[in-house]
Amino acid sequence: RRSGRALLAVRDNEKSAAVLGVSVRGYKLLAFTISGVLAAWAGFFYALLNPLVQFAAFSPLKSLDLVAMVIIGGLGSVPGALLGALYVVGIPRMFPDSDLAPLLATGVGLLFVLMVRPGGLWSLLTGLRDFYVRALTVPDSAFKGPLSHLVPADVPESARLKSLFEDATSEPVVATPARG
């Protein structure tokens, strides 16, 4: 448990983890070792199941495509990686005659996403989701966002999520100690 929390702390903020006494260098080395072991196991099982392993199956360009898929989709989320894979593979297949499509799918697309939305395409979708939820939970008078025209006007105040938590007639719940 402690190791997992320390790994998350090092990933999120190295300086704060170091202040809390976490060995940043040690946990980075641990993460690198674990990922290397997992990659070795995956390669072993791949070679075990496919005895005709060829060098062409592991070209550097395919590795770059895989990295682009993860970065474009969004680091740290499985749906983001799937969205990135759909983008990197789907754009060239949608426009097979275009010489520009592969470039947009990897090189220029990767730079654009890193500059505009560093969290990837998945963070764009979660941002839209958060915007829509906030628009439904905040009263109409308080919500004046740049995309406020997307909020349905026919949603009554009683159906908004915020009104579910503001019931003045209910008593607060007090925790009681367990008897035993």
C-alpha atoms as a PDB file:
ATOM      1  CA  ARG A   1       0.000   0.000   0.000  1.00  0.00           C
ATOM      2  CA  ARG A   2       2.718   2.423   0.921  1.00  0.00           C
ATOM      3  CA  SER A   3       4.598   1.698  -2.285  1.00  0.00           C
ATOM      4  CA  GLY A   4       1.548   2.393  -4.421  1.00  0.00           C
ATOM      5  CA  ARG A   5       0.859   5.683  -2.698  1.00  0.00           C
ATOM      6  CA  ALA A   6       4.518   6.639  -2.980  1.00  0.00           C
ATOM      7  CA  LEU A   7       4.535   5.840  -6.705  1.00  0.00           C
ATOM      8  CA  LEU A   8       1.439   8.000  -7.187  1.00  0.00           C
ATOM      9  CA  ALA A   9       3.011  10.810  -5.171  1.00  0.00           C
ATOM     10  CA  VAL A  10       6.187  10.697  -7.270  1.00  0.00           C
ATOM     11  CA  ARG A  11       4.106  10.694 -10.454  1.00  0.00           C
ATOM     12  CA  ASP A  12       1.950  13.632  -9.382  1.00  0.00           C
ATOM     13  CA  ASN A  13       4.537  15.897  -7.755  1.00  0.00           C
ATOM     14  CA  GLU A  14       8.145  14.882  -7.205  1.00  0.00           C
ATOM     15  CA  LYS A  15       9.031  17.808  -4.939  1.00  0.00           C
ATOM     16  CA  SER A  16       6.092  17.223  -2.609  1.00  0.00           C
ATOM     17  CA  ALA A  17       6.888  13.509  -2.442  1.00  0.00           C
ATOM     18  CA  ALA A  18      10.497  14.299  -1.566  1.00  0.00           C
ATOM     19  CA  VAL A  19       9.371  16.669   1.198  1.00  0.00           C
ATOM     20  CA  LEU A  20       7.257  13.861   2.662  1.00  0.00           C
ATOM     21  CA  GLY A  21      10.313  11.620   2.806  1.00  0.00           C
ATOM     22  CA  VAL A  22       9.702   9.506  -0.278  1.00  0.00           C
ATOM     23  CA  SER A  23      12.858   8.443  -2.109  1.00  0.00           C
ATOM     24  CA  VAL A  24      12.031   9.842  -5.541  1.00  0.00           C
ATOM     25  CA  ARG A  25      15.030   8.226  -7.243  1.00  0.00           C
ATOM     26  CA  GLY A  26      14.286   4.848  -5.626  1.00  0.00           C
ATOM     27  CA  TYR A  27      10.628   4.824  -6.610  1.00  0.00           C
ATOM     28  CA  LYS A  28      11.415   5.947 -10.159  1.00  0.00           C
ATOM     29  CA  LEU A  29      13.880   3.062 -10.376  1.00  0.00           C
ATOM     30  CA  LEU A  30      11.205   0.726  -8.985  1.00  0.00           C
ATOM     31  CA  ALA A  31       8.668   1.898 -11.596  1.00  0.00           C
ATOM     32  CA  PHE A  32      11.226   1.485 -14.381  1.00  0.00           C
ATOM     33  CA  THR A  33      12.090  -2.016 -13.158  1.00  0.00           C
ATOM     34  CA  ILE A  34       8.458  -3.091 -12.910  1.00  0.00           C
ATOM     35  CA  SER A  35       7.685  -1.774 -16.405  1.00  0.00           C
ATOM     36  CA  GLY A  36      10.776  -3.523 -17.790  1.00  0.00           C
ATOM     37  CA  VAL A  37       9.766  -6.823 -16.196  1.00  0.00           C
ATOM     38  CA  LEU A  38       6.225  -6.502 -17.578  1.00  0.00           C
ATOM     39  CA  ALA A  39       7.573  -5.705 -21.051  1.00  0.00           C
ATOM     40  CA  ALA A  40       9.926  -8.701 -20.892  1.00  0.00           C
ATOM     41  CA  TRP A  41       7.079 -10.993 -19.879  1.00  0.00           C
ATOM     42  CA  ALA A  42       4.907  -9.647 -22.681  1.00  0.00           C
ATOM     43  CA  GLY A  43       7.724 -10.226 -25.189  1.00  0.00           C
ATOM     44  CA  PHE A  44       8.303 -13.733 -23.879  1.00  0.00           C
ATOM     45  CA  PHE A  45       4.655 -14.699 -24.169  1.00  0.00           C
ATOM     46  CA  TYR A  46       4.388 -13.078 -27.605  1.00  0.00           C
ATOM     47  CA  ALA A  47       7.394 -15.099 -28.821  1.00  0.00           C
ATOM     48  CA  LEU A  48       5.996 -18.225 -27.175  1.00  0.00           C
ATOM     49  CA  LEU A  49       2.676 -17.897 -28.982  1.00  0.00           C
ATOM     50  CA  ASN A  50       4.176 -16.688 -32.266  1.00  0.00           C
ATOM     51  CA  PRO A  51       7.394 -18.630 -33.024  1.00  0.00           C
ATOM     52  CA  LEU A  52       8.020 -16.753 -36.278  1.00  0.00           C
ATOM     53  CA  VAL A  53       8.901 -13.429 -34.678  1.00  0.00           C
ATOM     54  CA  GLN A  54      10.465 -11.098 -37.224  1.00  0.00           C
ATOM     55  CA  PHE A  55      12.287  -7.833 -36.767  1.00  0.00           C
ATOM     56  CA  ALA A  56       9.854  -6.047 -39.105  1.00  0.00           C
ATOM     57  CA  ALA A  57       7.068  -6.593 -36.566  1.00  0.00           C
ATOM     58  CA  PHE A  58       8.857  -4.221 -34.156  1.00  0.00           C
ATOM     59  CA  SER A  59       9.978  -1.328 -36.309  1.00  0.00           C
ATOM     60  CA  PRO A  60      10.825   1.997 -34.656  1.00  0.00           C
ATOM     61  CA  LEU A  61       8.024   3.693 -36.594  1.00  0.00           C
ATOM     62  CA  LYS A  62       5.461   1.387 -34.994  1.00  0.00           C
ATOM     63  CA  SER A  63       6.873   2.257 -31.583  1.00  0.00           C
ATOM     64  CA  LEU A  64       6.504   5.954 -32.366  1.00  0.00           C
ATOM     65  CA  ASP A  65       2.931   5.348 -33.494  1.00  0.00           C
ATOM     66  CA  LEU A  66       2.174   3.626 -30.191  1.00  0.00           C
ATOM     67  CA  VAL A  67       3.628   6.526 -28.219  1.00  0.00           C
ATOM     68  CA  ALA A  68       1.651   8.978 -30.361  1.00  0.00           C
ATOM     69  CA  MET A  69      -1.547   7.016 -29.701  1.00  0.00           C
ATOM     70  CA  VAL A  70      -1.097   7.269 -25.951  1.00  0.00           C
ATOM     71  CA  ILE A  71      -0.109  10.944 -25.949  1.00  0.00           C
ATOM     72  CA  ILE A  72      -2.801  12.075 -28.391  1.00  0.00           C
ATOM     73  CA  GLY A  73      -5.475  10.106 -26.553  1.00  0.00           C
ATOM     74  CA  GLY A  74      -4.388  11.101 -23.075  1.00  0.00           C
ATOM     75  CA  LEU A  75      -1.891   9.724 -20.625  1.00  0.00           C
ATOM     76  CA  GLY A  76      -3.189   7.838 -17.643  1.00  0.00           C
ATOM     77  CA  SER A  77      -6.522   6.625 -18.993  1.00  0.00           C
ATOM     78  CA  VAL A  78      -7.480   3.545 -20.935  1.00  0.00           C
ATOM     79  CA  PRO A  79     -10.289   5.305 -22.834  1.00  0.00           C
ATOM     80  CA  GLY A  80      -7.780   7.997 -23.796  1.00  0.00           C
ATOM     81  CA  ALA A  81      -5.379   5.423 -25.215  1.00  0.00           C
ATOM     82  CA  LEU A  82      -8.217   3.827 -27.172  1.00  0.00           C
ATOM     83  CA  LEU A  83      -9.312   7.230 -28.466  1.00  0.00           C
ATOM     84  CA  GLY A  84      -5.731   7.980 -29.484  1.00  0.00           C
ATOM     85  CA  ALA A  85      -5.472   4.630 -31.277  1.00  0.00           C
ATOM     86  CA  LEU A  86      -8.706   5.368 -33.097  1.00  0.00           C
ATOM     87  CA  TYR A  87      -7.341   8.765 -34.116  1.00  0.00           C
ATOM     88  CA  VAL A  88      -3.878   7.586 -35.235  1.00  0.00           C
ATOM     89  CA  VAL A  89      -5.193   4.565 -37.134  1.00  0.00           C
ATOM     90  CA  GLY A  90      -8.522   6.048 -38.224  1.00  0.00           C
ATOM     91  CA  ILE A  91      -7.369   9.313 -39.840  1.00  0.00           C
ATOM     92  CA  PRO A  92      -5.109   7.636 -42.437  1.00  0.00           C
ATOM     93  CA  ARG A  93      -7.782   5.014 -43.170  1.00  0.00           C
ATOM     94  CA  MET A  94     -10.492   7.631 -43.626  1.00  0.00           C
ATOM     95  CA  PHE A  95      -8.309   9.482 -46.132  1.00  0.00           C
ATOM     96  CA  PRO A  96      -6.256   6.742 -47.833  1.00  0.00           C
ATOM     97  CA  ASP A  97      -5.244   8.815 -50.867  1.00  0.00           C
ATOM     98  CA  SER A  98      -3.978  11.761 -48.851  1.00  0.00           C
ATOM     99  CA  ASP A  99      -0.295  12.215 -48.114  1.00  0.00           C
ATOM    100  CA  LEU A 100      -1.196  14.689 -45.369  1.00  0.00           C
ATOM    101  CA  ALA A 101      -3.360  12.301 -43.311  1.00  0.00           C
ATOM    102  CA  PRO A 102      -0.517  10.228 -41.788  1.00  0.00           C
ATOM    103  CA  LEU A 103       1.315  13.430 -40.909  1.00  0.00           C
ATOM    104  CA  LEU A 104      -1.786  14.820 -39.175  1.00  0.00           C
ATOM    105  CA  ALA A 105      -2.303  11.527 -37.374  1.00  0.00           C
ATOM    106  CA  THR A 106       1.166  11.454 -35.828  1.00  0.00           C
ATOM    107  CA  GLY A 107       3.600  14.374 -36.249  1.00  0.00           C
ATOM    108  CA  VAL A 108       1.543  17.530 -36.592  1.00  0.00           C
ATOM    109  CA  GLY A 109      -1.406  16.034 -34.708  1.00  0.00           C
ATOM    110  CA  LEU A 110       0.823  15.148 -31.782  1.00  0.00           C
ATOM    111  CA  LEU A 111       2.299  18.642 -31.650  1.00  0.00           C
ATOM    112  CA  PHE A 112      -1.129  20.247 -31.950  1.00  0.00           C
ATOM    113  CA  VAL A 113      -2.551  18.187 -29.097  1.00  0.00           C
ATOM    114  CA  LEU A 114       0.478  18.881 -26.912  1.00  0.00           C
ATOM    115  CA  MET A 115       0.197  22.617 -27.515  1.00  0.00           C
ATOM    116  CA  VAL A 116      -3.584  23.016 -27.326  1.00  0.00           C
ATOM    117  CA  ARG A 117      -4.698  20.231 -24.986  1.00  0.00           C
ATOM    118  CA  PRO A 118      -1.741  18.669 -23.107  1.00  0.00           C
ATOM    119  CA  GLY A 119      -4.054  16.171 -21.419  1.00  0.00           C
ATOM    120  CA  GLY A 120      -5.012  14.641 -24.768  1.00  0.00           C
ATOM    121  CA  LEU A 121      -8.307  14.150 -26.529  1.00  0.00           C
ATOM    122  CA  TRP A 122      -9.775  12.314 -23.543  1.00  0.00           C
ATOM    123  CA  SER A 123      -9.251  15.378 -21.340  1.00  0.00           C
ATOM    124  CA  LEU A 124     -11.194  17.389 -23.919  1.00  0.00           C
ATOM    125  CA  LEU A 125     -14.144  15.001 -23.587  1.00  0.00           C
ATOM    126  CA  THR A 126     -13.965  14.946 -19.794  1.00  0.00           C
ATOM    127  CA  GLY A 127     -13.778  18.752 -19.823  1.00  0.00           C
ATOM    128  CA  LEU A 128     -16.970  18.889 -21.874  1.00  0.00           C
ATOM    129  CA  ARG A 129     -18.583  16.419 -19.485  1.00  0.00           C
ATOM    130  CA  ASP A 130     -17.551  18.510 -16.471  1.00  0.00           C
ATOM    131  CA  PHE A 131     -18.860  21.645 -18.172  1.00  0.00           C
ATOM    132  CA  TYR A 132     -22.236  20.018 -18.835  1.00  0.00           C
ATOM    133  CA  VAL A 133     -22.531  18.674 -15.282  1.00  0.00           C
ATOM    134  CA  ARG A 134     -21.590  22.077 -13.859  1.00  0.00           C
ATOM    135  CA  ALA A 135     -24.158  23.712 -16.124  1.00  0.00           C
ATOM    136  CA  LEU A 136     -26.858  21.402 -14.777  1.00  0.00           C
ATOM    137  CA  THR A 137     -25.880  21.828 -11.134  1.00  0.00           C
ATOM    138  CA  VAL A 138     -25.346  25.588 -10.919  1.00  0.00           C
ATOM    139  CA  PRO A 139     -28.397  27.881 -10.889  1.00  0.00           C
ATOM    140  CA  ASP A 140     -29.169  29.731 -14.109  1.00  0.00           C
ATOM    141  CA  SER A 141     -28.271  33.091 -12.613  1.00  0.00           C
ATOM    142  CA  ALA A 142     -24.770  31.917 -11.639  1.00  0.00           C
ATOM    143  CA  PHE A 143     -23.915  30.104 -14.855  1.00  0.00           C
ATOM    144  CA  LYS A 144     -22.797  32.447 -17.591  1.00  0.00           C
ATOM    145  CA  GLY A 145     -20.114  30.429 -19.359  1.00  0.00           C
ATOM    146  CA  PRO A 146     -18.917  30.817 -22.946  1.00  0.00           C
ATOM    147  CA  LEU A 147     -20.947  27.775 -23.954  1.00  0.00           C
ATOM    148  CA  SER A 148     -24.043  28.511 -21.864  1.00  0.00           C
ATOM    149  CA  HIS A 149     -26.231  28.186 -24.947  1.00  0.00           C
ATOM    150  CA  LEU A 150     -25.648  24.401 -24.798  1.00  0.00           C
ATOM    151  CA  VAL A 151     -27.546  24.084 -21.511  1.00  0.00           C
ATOM    152  CA  PRO A 152     -31.112  22.950 -22.139  1.00  0.00           C
ATOM    153  CA  ALA A 153     -33.530  25.710 -21.205  1.00  0.00           C
ATOM    154  CA  ASP A 154     -36.377  23.336 -20.356  1.00  0.00           C
ATOM    155  CA  VAL A 155     -34.627  21.724 -17.361  1.00  0.00           C
ATOM    156  CA  PRO A 156     -36.568  22.879 -14.283  1.00  0.00           C
ATOM    157  CA  GLU A 157     -34.696  23.953 -11.149  1.00  0.00           C
ATOM    158  CA  SER A 158     -36.164  21.026  -9.186  1.00  0.00           C
ATOM    159  CA  ALA A 159     -34.559  18.555 -11.611  1.00  0.00           C
ATOM    160  CA  ARG A 160     -31.083  20.005 -11.281  1.00  0.00           C
ATOM    161  CA  LEU A 161     -28.584  18.037  -9.247  1.00  0.00           C
ATOM    162  CA  LYS A 162     -27.845  20.877  -6.843  1.00  0.00           C
ATOM    163  CA  SER A 163     -31.416  20.892  -5.536  1.00  0.00           C
ATOM    164  CA  LEU A 164     -31.051  17.252  -4.510  1.00  0.00           C
ATOM    165  CA  PHE A 165     -28.455  18.231  -1.915  1.00  0.00           C
ATOM    166  CA  GLU A 166     -30.193  21.320  -0.545  1.00  0.00           C
ATOM    167  CA  ASP A 167     -33.141  19.802   1.294  1.00  0.00           C
ATOM    168  CA  ALA A 168     -33.800  22.029   4.310  1.00  0.00           C
ATOM    169  CA  THR A 169     -36.270  19.611   5.922  1.00  0.00           C
ATOM    170  CA  SER A 170     -33.852  16.741   6.373  1.00  0.00           C
ATOM    171  CA  GLU A 171     -31.863  16.339   9.566  1.00  0.00           C
ATOM    172  CA  PRO A 172     -28.076  16.016   9.389  1.00  0.00           C
ATOM    173  CA  VAL A 173     -26.761  12.496   9.739  1.00  0.00           C
ATOM    174  CA  VAL A 174     -24.673  12.001  12.871  1.00  0.00           C
ATOM    175  CA  ALA A 175     -22.326   9.042  13.122  1.00  0.00           C
ATOM    176  CA  THR A 176     -22.796   6.957  16.250  1.00  0.00           C
ATOM    177  CA  PRO A 177     -20.124   4.666  17.653  1.00  0.00           C
ATOM    178  CA  ALA A 178     -20.660   0.950  17.114  1.00  0.00           C
ATOM    179  CA  ARG A 179     -21.653  -1.092  20.138  1.00  0.00           C
ATOM    180  CA  GLY A 180     -19.771  -4.225  20.804  1.00  0.00           C
END
